Amino acid sequence: MAKYKELIVFNKADELAFNIYKITESFPKNETFGLTFQIRKAALSIPTNIVEGYARRSKKELAQFINISLGSLAETEYLLEFSKRLGYLKTDTSQIEALMNEVGKLLWSFYRSL
């Protein structure tokens, strides 16, 4: 088993990406290659950058990839808000927003620990 799977920050980021995929299933079909693709890509970039950084076996490189994850989180937050403004979200997003906040705190803590 890969050691990154033991990281709380990875598991929470993975949960966030999964939830973003689920809530975007209801987006309009004409957004498949637009907003749906963009928000999914941003959300999935958070855990995948943790995985890639962890695989580099260097604290400096890991810190760089955690920094990229933070940028992807910010992008995900913006795209979620933009989707809400367009009326694409049919469900309450408070749990996802809380999860994004938690992931952000975990990422910053992890980054500072390196």
PDB file of N, CA and C in Angstrom:
ATOM      1  N   MET A   1       0.843  -1.181   0.000  1.00  0.00           N
ATOM      2  CA  MET A   1       0.000   0.000   0.000  1.00  0.00           C
ATOM      3  C   MET A   1       0.887   1.243   0.000  1.00  0.00           C
ATOM      4  N   ALA A   2       0.537   2.197  -0.803  1.00  0.00           N
ATOM      5  CA  ALA A   2       1.289   3.439  -0.865  1.00  0.00           C
ATOM      6  C   ALA A   2       1.089   4.229   0.434  1.00  0.00           C
ATOM      7  N   LYS A   3       2.156   4.812   0.932  1.00  0.00           N
ATOM      8  CA  LYS A   3       2.115   5.534   2.210  1.00  0.00           C
ATOM      9  C   LYS A   3       1.226   6.779   2.162  1.00  0.00           C
ATOM     10  N   TYR A   4       1.083   7.406   0.988  1.00  0.00           N
ATOM     11  CA  TYR A   4       0.238   8.593   0.907  1.00  0.00           C
ATOM     12  C   TYR A   4      -1.203   8.292   1.311  1.00  0.00           C
ATOM     13  N   LYS A   5      -1.621   7.045   1.165  1.00  0.00           N
ATOM     14  CA  LYS A   5      -2.986   6.665   1.519  1.00  0.00           C
ATOM     15  C   LYS A   5      -3.234   6.763   3.022  1.00  0.00           C
ATOM     16  N   GLU A   6      -2.162   6.834   3.795  1.00  0.00           N
ATOM     17  CA  GLU A   6      -2.283   6.967   5.238  1.00  0.00           C
ATOM     18  C   GLU A   6      -2.439   8.422   5.674  1.00  0.00           C
ATOM     19  N   LEU A   7      -2.234   9.351   4.756  1.00  0.00           N
ATOM     20  CA  LEU A   7      -2.326  10.773   5.074  1.00  0.00           C
ATOM     21  C   LEU A   7      -3.784  11.233   5.155  1.00  0.00           C
ATOM     22  N   ILE A   8      -4.134  11.867   6.240  1.00  0.00           N
ATOM     23  CA  ILE A   8      -5.491  12.411   6.387  1.00  0.00           C
ATOM     24  C   ILE A   8      -5.772  13.410   5.280  1.00  0.00           C
ATOM     25  N   VAL A   9      -4.803  14.263   4.976  1.00  0.00           N
ATOM     26  CA  VAL A   9      -4.996  15.278   3.949  1.00  0.00           C
ATOM     27  C   VAL A   9      -5.308  14.638   2.595  1.00  0.00           C
ATOM     28  N   PHE A  10      -4.644  13.535   2.268  1.00  0.00           N
ATOM     29  CA  PHE A  10      -4.940  12.849   1.014  1.00  0.00           C
ATOM     30  C   PHE A  10      -6.365  12.305   1.019  1.00  0.00           C
ATOM     31  N   ASN A  11      -6.747  11.636   2.099  1.00  0.00           N
ATOM     32  CA  ASN A  11      -8.080  11.028   2.166  1.00  0.00           C
ATOM     33  C   ASN A  11      -9.192  12.065   2.089  1.00  0.00           C
ATOM     34  N   LYS A  12      -8.992  13.209   2.728  1.00  0.00           N
ATOM     35  CA  LYS A  12      -9.998  14.275   2.668  1.00  0.00           C
ATOM     36  C   LYS A  12     -10.043  14.891   1.264  1.00  0.00           C
ATOM     37  N   ALA A  13      -8.883  15.069   0.634  1.00  0.00           N
ATOM     38  CA  ALA A  13      -8.836  15.614  -0.727  1.00  0.00           C
ATOM     39  C   ALA A  13      -9.486  14.647  -1.716  1.00  0.00           C
ATOM     40  N   ASP A  14      -9.266  13.359  -1.504  1.00  0.00           N
ATOM     41  CA  ASP A  14      -9.885  12.335  -2.338  1.00  0.00           C
ATOM     42  C   ASP A  14     -11.407  12.368  -2.184  1.00  0.00           C
ATOM     43  N   GLU A  15     -11.864  12.499  -0.950  1.00  0.00           N
ATOM     44  CA  GLU A  15     -13.305  12.593  -0.673  1.00  0.00           C
ATOM     45  C   GLU A  15     -13.905  13.820  -1.357  1.00  0.00           C
ATOM     46  N   LEU A  16     -13.191  14.927  -1.312  1.00  0.00           N
ATOM     47  CA  LEU A  16     -13.659  16.149  -1.964  1.00  0.00           C
ATOM     48  C   LEU A  16     -13.780  15.944  -3.475  1.00  0.00           C
ATOM     49  N   ALA A  17     -12.748  15.386  -4.094  1.00  0.00           N
ATOM     50  CA  ALA A  17     -12.782  15.143  -5.540  1.00  0.00           C
ATOM     51  C   ALA A  17     -13.955  14.230  -5.915  1.00  0.00           C
ATOM     52  N   PHE A  18     -14.160  13.188  -5.132  1.00  0.00           N
ATOM     53  CA  PHE A  18     -15.262  12.262  -5.381  1.00  0.00           C
ATOM     54  C   PHE A  18     -16.606  12.992  -5.310  1.00  0.00           C
ATOM     55  N   ASN A  19     -16.778  13.825  -4.281  1.00  0.00           N
ATOM     56  CA  ASN A  19     -18.034  14.567  -4.124  1.00  0.00           C
ATOM     57  C   ASN A  19     -18.254  15.564  -5.248  1.00  0.00           C
ATOM     58  N   ILE A  20     -17.189  16.198  -5.708  1.00  0.00           N
ATOM     59  CA  ILE A  20     -17.317  17.123  -6.839  1.00  0.00           C
ATOM     60  C   ILE A  20     -17.768  16.360  -8.079  1.00  0.00           C
ATOM     61  N   TYR A  21     -17.187  15.199  -8.310  1.00  0.00           N
ATOM     62  CA  TYR A  21     -17.621  14.382  -9.452  1.00  0.00           C
ATOM     63  C   TYR A  21     -19.104  14.052  -9.343  1.00  0.00           C
ATOM     64  N   LYS A  22     -19.562  13.680  -8.158  1.00  0.00           N
ATOM     65  CA  LYS A  22     -20.961  13.296  -7.982  1.00  0.00           C
ATOM     66  C   LYS A  22     -21.907  14.475  -8.209  1.00  0.00           C
ATOM     67  N   ILE A  23     -21.581  15.658  -7.648  1.00  0.00           N
ATOM     68  CA  ILE A  23     -22.531  16.771  -7.791  1.00  0.00           C
ATOM     69  C   ILE A  23     -22.534  17.353  -9.194  1.00  0.00           C
ATOM     70  N   THR A  24     -21.481  17.130  -9.950  1.00  0.00           N
ATOM     71  CA  THR A  24     -21.456  17.673 -11.313  1.00  0.00           C
ATOM     72  C   THR A  24     -22.138  16.750 -12.320  1.00  0.00           C
ATOM     73  N   GLU A  25     -22.579  15.586 -11.874  1.00  0.00           N
ATOM     74  CA  GLU A  25     -23.311  14.683 -12.766  1.00  0.00           C
ATOM     75  C   GLU A  25     -24.600  15.326 -13.286  1.00  0.00           C
ATOM     76  N   SER A  26     -25.144  16.255 -12.514  1.00  0.00           N
ATOM     77  CA  SER A  26     -26.404  16.894 -12.917  1.00  0.00           C
ATOM     78  C   SER A  26     -26.195  18.165 -13.745  1.00  0.00           C
ATOM     79  N   PHE A  27     -24.943  18.536 -14.014  1.00  0.00           N
ATOM     80  CA  PHE A  27     -24.693  19.726 -14.827  1.00  0.00           C
ATOM     81  C   PHE A  27     -25.239  19.508 -16.238  1.00  0.00           C
ATOM     82  N   PRO A  28     -25.598  20.579 -16.927  1.00  0.00           N
ATOM     83  CA  PRO A  28     -26.113  20.442 -18.293  1.00  0.00           C
ATOM     84  C   PRO A  28     -25.114  19.736 -19.214  1.00  0.00           C
ATOM     85  N   LYS A  29     -25.624  18.966 -20.133  1.00  0.00           N
ATOM     86  CA  LYS A  29     -24.774  18.217 -21.066  1.00  0.00           C
ATOM     87  C   LYS A  29     -23.900  19.144 -21.905  1.00  0.00           C
ATOM     88  N   ASN A  30     -24.386  20.354 -22.175  1.00  0.00           N
ATOM     89  CA  ASN A  30     -23.575  21.282 -22.977  1.00  0.00           C
ATOM     90  C   ASN A  30     -22.352  21.799 -22.208  1.00  0.00           C
ATOM     91  N   GLU A  31     -22.265  21.479 -20.922  1.00  0.00           N
ATOM     92  CA  GLU A  31     -21.106  21.874 -20.102  1.00  0.00           C
ATOM     93  C   GLU A  31     -20.100  20.738 -19.939  1.00  0.00           C
ATOM     94  N   THR A  32     -20.343  19.598 -20.593  1.00  0.00           N
ATOM     95  CA  THR A  32     -19.462  18.437 -20.437  1.00  0.00           C
ATOM     96  C   THR A  32     -17.999  18.796 -20.673  1.00  0.00           C
ATOM     97  N   PHE A  33     -17.717  19.561 -21.708  1.00  0.00           N
ATOM     98  CA  PHE A  33     -16.336  19.916 -22.027  1.00  0.00           C
ATOM     99  C   PHE A  33     -16.004  21.341 -21.583  1.00  0.00           C
ATOM    100  N   GLY A  34     -16.886  21.917 -20.798  1.00  0.00           N
ATOM    101  CA  GLY A  34     -16.669  23.263 -20.268  1.00  0.00           C
ATOM    102  C   GLY A  34     -16.503  23.216 -18.767  1.00  0.00           C
ATOM    103  N   LEU A  35     -17.495  23.752 -18.088  1.00  0.00           N
ATOM    104  CA  LEU A  35     -17.426  23.886 -16.638  1.00  0.00           C
ATOM    105  C   LEU A  35     -17.325  22.535 -15.919  1.00  0.00           C
ATOM    106  N   THR A  36     -18.050  21.533 -16.386  1.00  0.00           N
ATOM    107  CA  THR A  36     -17.992  20.216 -15.745  1.00  0.00           C
ATOM    108  C   THR A  36     -16.567  19.674 -15.781  1.00  0.00           C
ATOM    109  N   PHE A  37     -15.962  19.726 -16.956  1.00  0.00           N
ATOM    110  CA  PHE A  37     -14.580  19.259 -17.112  1.00  0.00           C
ATOM    111  C   PHE A  37     -13.632  20.064 -16.233  1.00  0.00           C
ATOM    112  N   GLN A  38     -13.788  21.378 -16.229  1.00  0.00           N
ATOM    113  CA  GLN A  38     -12.859  22.253 -15.510  1.00  0.00           C
ATOM    114  C   GLN A  38     -12.909  22.041 -13.996  1.00  0.00           C
ATOM    115  N   ILE A  39     -14.108  21.966 -13.424  1.00  0.00           N
ATOM    116  CA  ILE A  39     -14.214  21.804 -11.970  1.00  0.00           C
ATOM    117  C   ILE A  39     -13.755  20.406 -11.550  1.00  0.00           C
ATOM    118  N   ARG A  40     -14.058  19.409 -12.364  1.00  0.00           N
ATOM    119  CA  ARG A  40     -13.597  18.061 -12.042  1.00  0.00           C
ATOM    120  C   ARG A  40     -12.072  17.976 -12.106  1.00  0.00           C
ATOM    121  N   LYS A  41     -11.496  18.581 -13.115  1.00  0.00           N
ATOM    122  CA  LYS A  41     -10.043  18.580 -13.269  1.00  0.00           C
ATOM    123  C   LYS A  41      -9.375  19.277 -12.079  1.00  0.00           C
ATOM    124  N   ALA A  42      -9.917  20.415 -11.683  1.00  0.00           N
ATOM    125  CA  ALA A  42      -9.355  21.163 -10.548  1.00  0.00           C
ATOM    126  C   ALA A  42      -9.453  20.350  -9.261  1.00  0.00           C
ATOM    127  N   ALA A  43     -10.620  19.751  -9.017  1.00  0.00           N
ATOM    128  CA  ALA A  43     -10.822  18.975  -7.786  1.00  0.00           C
ATOM    129  C   ALA A  43      -9.938  17.738  -7.758  1.00  0.00           C
ATOM    130  N   LEU A  44      -9.811  17.055  -8.885  1.00  0.00           N
ATOM    131  CA  LEU A  44      -8.991  15.853  -8.941  1.00  0.00           C
ATOM    132  C   LEU A  44      -7.505  16.182  -8.840  1.00  0.00           C
ATOM    133  N   SER A  45      -7.144  17.383  -9.210  1.00  0.00           N
ATOM    134  CA  SER A  45      -5.752  17.822  -9.125  1.00  0.00           C
ATOM    135  C   SER A  45      -5.274  17.932  -7.678  1.00  0.00           C
ATOM    136  N   ILE A  46      -6.187  18.141  -6.755  1.00  0.00           N
ATOM    137  CA  ILE A  46      -5.790  18.284  -5.347  1.00  0.00           C
ATOM    138  C   ILE A  46      -5.171  16.980  -4.829  1.00  0.00           C
ATOM    139  N   PRO A  47      -5.887  15.848  -4.860  1.00  0.00           N
ATOM    140  CA  PRO A  47      -5.259  14.616  -4.362  1.00  0.00           C
ATOM    141  C   PRO A  47      -4.157  14.087  -5.275  1.00  0.00           C
ATOM    142  N   THR A  48      -4.278  14.274  -6.586  1.00  0.00           N
ATOM    143  CA  THR A  48      -3.238  13.733  -7.466  1.00  0.00           C
ATOM    144  C   THR A  48      -1.911  14.453  -7.283  1.00  0.00           C
ATOM    145  N   ASN A  49      -1.928  15.717  -6.951  1.00  0.00           N
ATOM    146  CA  ASN A  49      -0.677  16.416  -6.675  1.00  0.00           C
ATOM    147  C   ASN A  49      -0.072  15.983  -5.349  1.00  0.00           C
ATOM    148  N   ILE A  50      -0.909  15.622  -4.397  1.00  0.00           N
ATOM    149  CA  ILE A  50      -0.389  15.058  -3.143  1.00  0.00           C
ATOM    150  C   ILE A  50       0.329  13.743  -3.451  1.00  0.00           C
ATOM    151  N   VAL A  51      -0.300  12.898  -4.254  1.00  0.00           N
ATOM    152  CA  VAL A  51       0.288  11.608  -4.627  1.00  0.00           C
ATOM    153  C   VAL A  51       1.611  11.814  -5.372  1.00  0.00           C
ATOM    154  N   GLU A  52       1.599  12.696  -6.364  1.00  0.00           N
ATOM    155  CA  GLU A  52       2.812  12.908  -7.146  1.00  0.00           C
ATOM    156  C   GLU A  52       3.936  13.498  -6.291  1.00  0.00           C
ATOM    157  N   GLY A  53       3.606  14.469  -5.465  1.00  0.00           N
ATOM    158  CA  GLY A  53       4.613  15.065  -4.601  1.00  0.00           C
ATOM    159  C   GLY A  53       5.179  14.061  -3.620  1.00  0.00           C
ATOM    160  N   TYR A  54       4.326  13.226  -3.075  1.00  0.00           N
ATOM    161  CA  TYR A  54       4.765  12.207  -2.122  1.00  0.00           C
ATOM    162  C   TYR A  54       5.702  11.206  -2.798  1.00  0.00           C
ATOM    163  N   ALA A  55       5.443  10.911  -4.055  1.00  0.00           N
ATOM    164  CA  ALA A  55       6.263   9.950  -4.796  1.00  0.00           C
ATOM    165  C   ALA A  55       7.653  10.495  -5.119  1.00  0.00           C
ATOM    166  N   ARG A  56       7.842  11.787  -5.054  1.00  0.00           N
ATOM    167  CA  ARG A  56       9.136  12.392  -5.398  1.00  0.00           C
ATOM    168  C   ARG A  56      10.196  12.149  -4.333  1.00  0.00           C
ATOM    169  N   ARG A  57       9.812  11.831  -3.131  1.00  0.00           N
ATOM    170  CA  ARG A  57      10.734  11.496  -2.038  1.00  0.00           C
ATOM    171  C   ARG A  57      11.668  12.643  -1.652  1.00  0.00           C
ATOM    172  N   SER A  58      11.229  13.857  -1.905  1.00  0.00           N
ATOM    173  CA  SER A  58      12.006  15.034  -1.521  1.00  0.00           C
ATOM    174  C   SER A  58      11.046  16.026  -0.875  1.00  0.00           C
ATOM    175  N   LYS A  59      11.400  16.536   0.296  1.00  0.00           N
ATOM    176  CA  LYS A  59      10.524  17.486   0.981  1.00  0.00           C
ATOM    177  C   LYS A  59      10.311  18.749   0.162  1.00  0.00           C
ATOM    178  N   LYS A  60      11.353  19.199  -0.523  1.00  0.00           N
ATOM    179  CA  LYS A  60      11.240  20.403  -1.342  1.00  0.00           C
ATOM    180  C   LYS A  60      10.243  20.194  -2.486  1.00  0.00           C
ATOM    181  N   GLU A  61      10.351  19.062  -3.163  1.00  0.00           N
ATOM    182  CA  GLU A  61       9.416  18.779  -4.253  1.00  0.00           C
ATOM    183  C   GLU A  61       8.001  18.525  -3.721  1.00  0.00           C
ATOM    184  N   LEU A  62       7.899  17.829  -2.599  1.00  0.00           N
ATOM    185  CA  LEU A  62       6.589  17.605  -1.998  1.00  0.00           C
ATOM    186  C   LEU A  62       5.929  18.934  -1.667  1.00  0.00           C
ATOM    187  N   ALA A  63       6.685  19.858  -1.096  1.00  0.00           N
ATOM    188  CA  ALA A  63       6.140  21.183  -0.770  1.00  0.00           C
ATOM    189  C   ALA A  63       5.636  21.884  -2.027  1.00  0.00           C
ATOM    190  N   GLN A  64       6.365  21.740  -3.128  1.00  0.00           N
ATOM    191  CA  GLN A  64       5.937  22.357  -4.388  1.00  0.00           C
ATOM    192  C   GLN A  64       4.589  21.778  -4.846  1.00  0.00           C
ATOM    193  N   PHE A  65       4.436  20.476  -4.746  1.00  0.00           N
ATOM    194  CA  PHE A  65       3.186  19.840  -5.177  1.00  0.00           C
ATOM    195  C   PHE A  65       2.033  20.147  -4.217  1.00  0.00           C
ATOM    196  N   ILE A  66       2.318  20.295  -2.938  1.00  0.00           N
ATOM    197  CA  ILE A  66       1.272  20.697  -1.988  1.00  0.00           C
ATOM    198  C   ILE A  66       0.828  22.121  -2.319  1.00  0.00           C
ATOM    199  N   ASN A  67       1.768  22.957  -2.701  1.00  0.00           N
ATOM    200  CA  ASN A  67       1.443  24.319  -3.114  1.00  0.00           C
ATOM    201  C   ASN A  67       0.528  24.310  -4.346  1.00  0.00           C
ATOM    202  N   ILE A  68       0.799  23.427  -5.284  1.00  0.00           N
ATOM    203  CA  ILE A  68      -0.060  23.281  -6.467  1.00  0.00           C
ATOM    204  C   ILE A  68      -1.448  22.807  -6.040  1.00  0.00           C
ATOM    205  N   SER A  69      -1.507  21.880  -5.077  1.00  0.00           N
ATOM    206  CA  SER A  69      -2.801  21.411  -4.557  1.00  0.00           C
ATOM    207  C   SER A  69      -3.601  22.565  -3.963  1.00  0.00           C
ATOM    208  N   LEU A  70      -2.916  23.453  -3.260  1.00  0.00           N
ATOM    209  CA  LEU A  70      -3.600  24.634  -2.696  1.00  0.00           C
ATOM    210  C   LEU A  70      -4.190  25.508  -3.801  1.00  0.00           C
ATOM    211  N   GLY A  71      -3.450  25.685  -4.882  1.00  0.00           N
ATOM    212  CA  GLY A  71      -3.973  26.442  -6.019  1.00  0.00           C
ATOM    213  C   GLY A  71      -5.171  25.763  -6.648  1.00  0.00           C
ATOM    214  N   SER A  72      -5.112  24.456  -6.763  1.00  0.00           N
ATOM    215  CA  SER A  72      -6.239  23.700  -7.322  1.00  0.00           C
ATOM    216  C   SER A  72      -7.458  23.774  -6.418  1.00  0.00           C
ATOM    217  N   LEU A  73      -7.229  23.796  -5.122  1.00  0.00           N
ATOM    218  CA  LEU A  73      -8.340  23.955  -4.182  1.00  0.00           C
ATOM    219  C   LEU A  73      -9.010  25.316  -4.381  1.00  0.00           C
ATOM    220  N   ALA A  74      -8.207  26.361  -4.519  1.00  0.00           N
ATOM    221  CA  ALA A  74      -8.767  27.695  -4.748  1.00  0.00           C
ATOM    222  C   ALA A  74      -9.570  27.725  -6.050  1.00  0.00           C
ATOM    223  N   GLU A  75      -9.051  27.075  -7.076  1.00  0.00           N
ATOM    224  CA  GLU A  75      -9.760  27.001  -8.357  1.00  0.00           C
ATOM    225  C   GLU A  75     -11.085  26.252  -8.193  1.00  0.00           C
ATOM    226  N   THR A  76     -11.067  25.162  -7.454  1.00  0.00           N
ATOM    227  CA  THR A  76     -12.282  24.380  -7.211  1.00  0.00           C
ATOM    228  C   THR A  76     -13.319  25.222  -6.471  1.00  0.00           C
ATOM    229  N   GLU A  77     -12.874  25.953  -5.458  1.00  0.00           N
ATOM    230  CA  GLU A  77     -13.783  26.808  -4.688  1.00  0.00           C
ATOM    231  C   GLU A  77     -14.451  27.845  -5.601  1.00  0.00           C
ATOM    232  N   TYR A  78     -13.653  28.485  -6.437  1.00  0.00           N
ATOM    233  CA  TYR A  78     -14.214  29.484  -7.344  1.00  0.00           C
ATOM    234  C   TYR A  78     -15.212  28.848  -8.322  1.00  0.00           C
ATOM    235  N   LEU A  79     -14.823  27.723  -8.916  1.00  0.00           N
ATOM    236  CA  LEU A  79     -15.700  27.091  -9.907  1.00  0.00           C
ATOM    237  C   LEU A  79     -16.994  26.576  -9.284  1.00  0.00           C
ATOM    238  N   LEU A  80     -16.938  26.140  -8.037  1.00  0.00           N
ATOM    239  CA  LEU A  80     -18.155  25.724  -7.342  1.00  0.00           C
ATOM    240  C   LEU A  80     -19.073  26.925  -7.155  1.00  0.00           C
ATOM    241  N   GLU A  81     -18.508  28.035  -6.712  1.00  0.00           N
ATOM    242  CA  GLU A  81     -19.302  29.255  -6.531  1.00  0.00           C
ATOM    243  C   GLU A  81     -19.880  29.732  -7.868  1.00  0.00           C
ATOM    244  N   PHE A  82     -19.094  29.670  -8.908  1.00  0.00           N
ATOM    245  CA  PHE A  82     -19.553  30.070 -10.249  1.00  0.00           C
ATOM    246  C   PHE A  82     -20.708  29.173 -10.702  1.00  0.00           C
ATOM    247  N   SER A  83     -20.584  27.877 -10.432  1.00  0.00           N
ATOM    248  CA  SER A  83     -21.646  26.922 -10.785  1.00  0.00           C
ATOM    249  C   SER A  83     -22.931  27.240 -10.038  1.00  0.00           C
ATOM    250  N   LYS A  84     -22.802  27.646  -8.773  1.00  0.00           N
ATOM    251  CA  LYS A  84     -23.980  28.032  -7.996  1.00  0.00           C
ATOM    252  C   LYS A  84     -24.648  29.258  -8.614  1.00  0.00           C
ATOM    253  N   ARG A  85     -23.855  30.230  -9.022  1.00  0.00           N
ATOM    254  CA  ARG A  85     -24.409  31.448  -9.634  1.00  0.00           C
ATOM    255  C   ARG A  85     -25.153  31.139 -10.926  1.00  0.00           C
ATOM    256  N   LEU A  86     -24.699  30.131 -11.646  1.00  0.00           N
ATOM    257  CA  LEU A  86     -25.364  29.731 -12.883  1.00  0.00           C
ATOM    258  C   LEU A  86     -26.611  28.883 -12.625  1.00  0.00           C
ATOM    259  N   GLY A  87     -26.798  28.452 -11.378  1.00  0.00           N
ATOM    260  CA  GLY A  87     -27.951  27.626 -11.042  1.00  0.00           C
ATOM    261  C   GLY A  87     -27.785  26.164 -11.398  1.00  0.00           C
ATOM    262  N   TYR A  88     -26.552  25.720 -11.564  1.00  0.00           N
ATOM    263  CA  TYR A  88     -26.286  24.339 -11.958  1.00  0.00           C
ATOM    264  C   TYR A  88     -26.348  23.359 -10.795  1.00  0.00           C
ATOM    265  N   LEU A  89     -26.194  23.852  -9.588  1.00  0.00           N
ATOM    266  CA  LEU A  89     -26.175  22.955  -8.439  1.00  0.00           C
ATOM    267  C   LEU A  89     -27.573  22.797  -7.869  1.00  0.00           C
ATOM    268  N   LYS A  90     -28.016  21.574  -7.847  1.00  0.00           N
ATOM    269  CA  LYS A  90     -29.371  21.260  -7.400  1.00  0.00           C
ATOM    270  C   LYS A  90     -29.419  20.846  -5.931  1.00  0.00           C
ATOM    271  N   THR A  91     -28.258  20.709  -5.307  1.00  0.00           N
ATOM    272  CA  THR A  91     -28.202  20.250  -3.921  1.00  0.00           C
ATOM    273  C   THR A  91     -27.514  21.287  -3.041  1.00  0.00           C
ATOM    274  N   ASP A  92     -27.683  21.124  -1.756  1.00  0.00           N
ATOM    275  CA  ASP A  92     -27.017  21.968  -0.772  1.00  0.00           C
ATOM    276  C   ASP A  92     -25.519  21.661  -0.819  1.00  0.00           C
ATOM    277  N   THR A  93     -24.709  22.691  -0.887  1.00  0.00           N
ATOM    278  CA  THR A  93     -23.261  22.491  -0.991  1.00  0.00           C
ATOM    279  C   THR A  93     -22.526  22.790   0.313  1.00  0.00           C
ATOM    280  N   SER A  94     -23.243  22.969   1.401  1.00  0.00           N
ATOM    281  CA  SER A  94     -22.591  23.345   2.661  1.00  0.00           C
ATOM    282  C   SER A  94     -21.605  22.274   3.143  1.00  0.00           C
ATOM    283  N   GLN A  95     -21.915  20.998   2.935  1.00  0.00           N
ATOM    284  CA  GLN A  95     -20.989  19.941   3.362  1.00  0.00           C
ATOM    285  C   GLN A  95     -19.717  19.956   2.512  1.00  0.00           C
ATOM    286  N   ILE A  96     -19.866  20.193   1.225  1.00  0.00           N
ATOM    287  CA  ILE A  96     -18.694  20.262   0.349  1.00  0.00           C
ATOM    288  C   ILE A  96     -17.867  21.500   0.686  1.00  0.00           C
ATOM    289  N   GLU A  97     -18.531  22.600   0.978  1.00  0.00           N
ATOM    290  CA  GLU A  97     -17.808  23.811   1.351  1.00  0.00           C
ATOM    291  C   GLU A  97     -17.047  23.619   2.658  1.00  0.00           C
ATOM    292  N   ALA A  98     -17.647  22.915   3.600  1.00  0.00           N
ATOM    293  CA  ALA A  98     -16.963  22.610   4.866  1.00  0.00           C
ATOM    294  C   ALA A  98     -15.773  21.690   4.611  1.00  0.00           C
ATOM    295  N   LEU A  99     -15.947  20.725   3.717  1.00  0.00           N
ATOM    296  CA  LEU A  99     -14.858  19.813   3.374  1.00  0.00           C
ATOM    297  C   LEU A  99     -13.725  20.571   2.684  1.00  0.00           C
ATOM    298  N   MET A 100     -14.049  21.511   1.812  1.00  0.00           N
ATOM    299  CA  MET A 100     -13.019  22.325   1.169  1.00  0.00           C
ATOM    300  C   MET A 100     -12.239  23.122   2.202  1.00  0.00           C
ATOM    301  N   ASN A 101     -12.947  23.675   3.168  1.00  0.00           N
ATOM    302  CA  ASN A 101     -12.292  24.426   4.241  1.00  0.00           C
ATOM    303  C   ASN A 101     -11.351  23.519   5.033  1.00  0.00           C
ATOM    304  N   GLU A 102     -11.810  22.319   5.338  1.00  0.00           N
ATOM    305  CA  GLU A 102     -10.985  21.362   6.076  1.00  0.00           C
ATOM    306  C   GLU A 102      -9.749  20.959   5.263  1.00  0.00           C
ATOM    307  N   VAL A 103      -9.944  20.681   3.984  1.00  0.00           N
ATOM    308  CA  VAL A 103      -8.816  20.321   3.117  1.00  0.00           C
ATOM    309  C   VAL A 103      -7.809  21.467   3.060  1.00  0.00           C
ATOM    310  N   GLY A 104      -8.296  22.684   2.966  1.00  0.00           N
ATOM    311  CA  GLY A 104      -7.407  23.840   2.945  1.00  0.00           C
ATOM    312  C   GLY A 104      -6.561  23.931   4.203  1.00  0.00           C
ATOM    313  N   LYS A 105      -7.176  23.755   5.342  1.00  0.00           N
ATOM    314  CA  LYS A 105      -6.440  23.794   6.614  1.00  0.00           C
ATOM    315  C   LYS A 105      -5.405  22.674   6.694  1.00  0.00           C
ATOM    316  N   LEU A 106      -5.807  21.481   6.263  1.00  0.00           N
ATOM    317  CA  LEU A 106      -4.892  20.340   6.289  1.00  0.00           C
ATOM    318  C   LEU A 106      -3.712  20.548   5.336  1.00  0.00           C
ATOM    319  N   LEU A 107      -4.002  21.071   4.145  1.00  0.00           N
ATOM    320  CA  LEU A 107      -2.929  21.328   3.185  1.00  0.00           C
ATOM    321  C   LEU A 107      -1.937  22.349   3.731  1.00  0.00           C
ATOM    322  N   TRP A 108      -2.461  23.447   4.312  1.00  0.00           N
ATOM    323  CA  TRP A 108      -1.572  24.471   4.872  1.00  0.00           C
ATOM    324  C   TRP A 108      -0.735  23.900   6.009  1.00  0.00           C
ATOM    325  N   SER A 109      -1.340  23.111   6.867  1.00  0.00           N
ATOM    326  CA  SER A 109      -0.593  22.494   7.977  1.00  0.00           C
ATOM    327  C   SER A 109       0.490  21.567   7.454  1.00  0.00           C
ATOM    328  N   PHE A 110       0.135  20.783   6.452  1.00  0.00           N
ATOM    329  CA  PHE A 110       1.095  19.858   5.866  1.00  0.00           C
ATOM    330  C   PHE A 110       2.235  20.627   5.209  1.00  0.00           C
ATOM    331  N   TYR A 111       1.893  21.675   4.467  1.00  0.00           N
ATOM    332  CA  TYR A 111       2.901  22.507   3.790  1.00  0.00           C
ATOM    333  C   TYR A 111       3.868  23.115   4.811  1.00  0.00           C
ATOM    334  N   ARG A 112       3.327  23.663   5.885  1.00  0.00           N
ATOM    335  CA  ARG A 112       4.167  24.301   6.910  1.00  0.00           C
ATOM    336  C   ARG A 112       5.051  23.276   7.630  1.00  0.00           C
ATOM    337  N   SER A 113       4.602  22.035   7.699  1.00  0.00           N
ATOM    338  CA  SER A 113       5.387  21.008   8.394  1.00  0.00           C
ATOM    339  C   SER A 113       6.587  20.536   7.589  1.00  0.00           C
ATOM    340  N   LEU A 114       6.584  20.863   6.307  1.00  0.00           N
ATOM    341  CA  LEU A 114       7.693  20.384   5.460  1.00  0.00           C
ATOM    342  C   LEU A 114       8.861  21.287   5.630  1.00  0.00           C
TER     343      LEU A 114
END
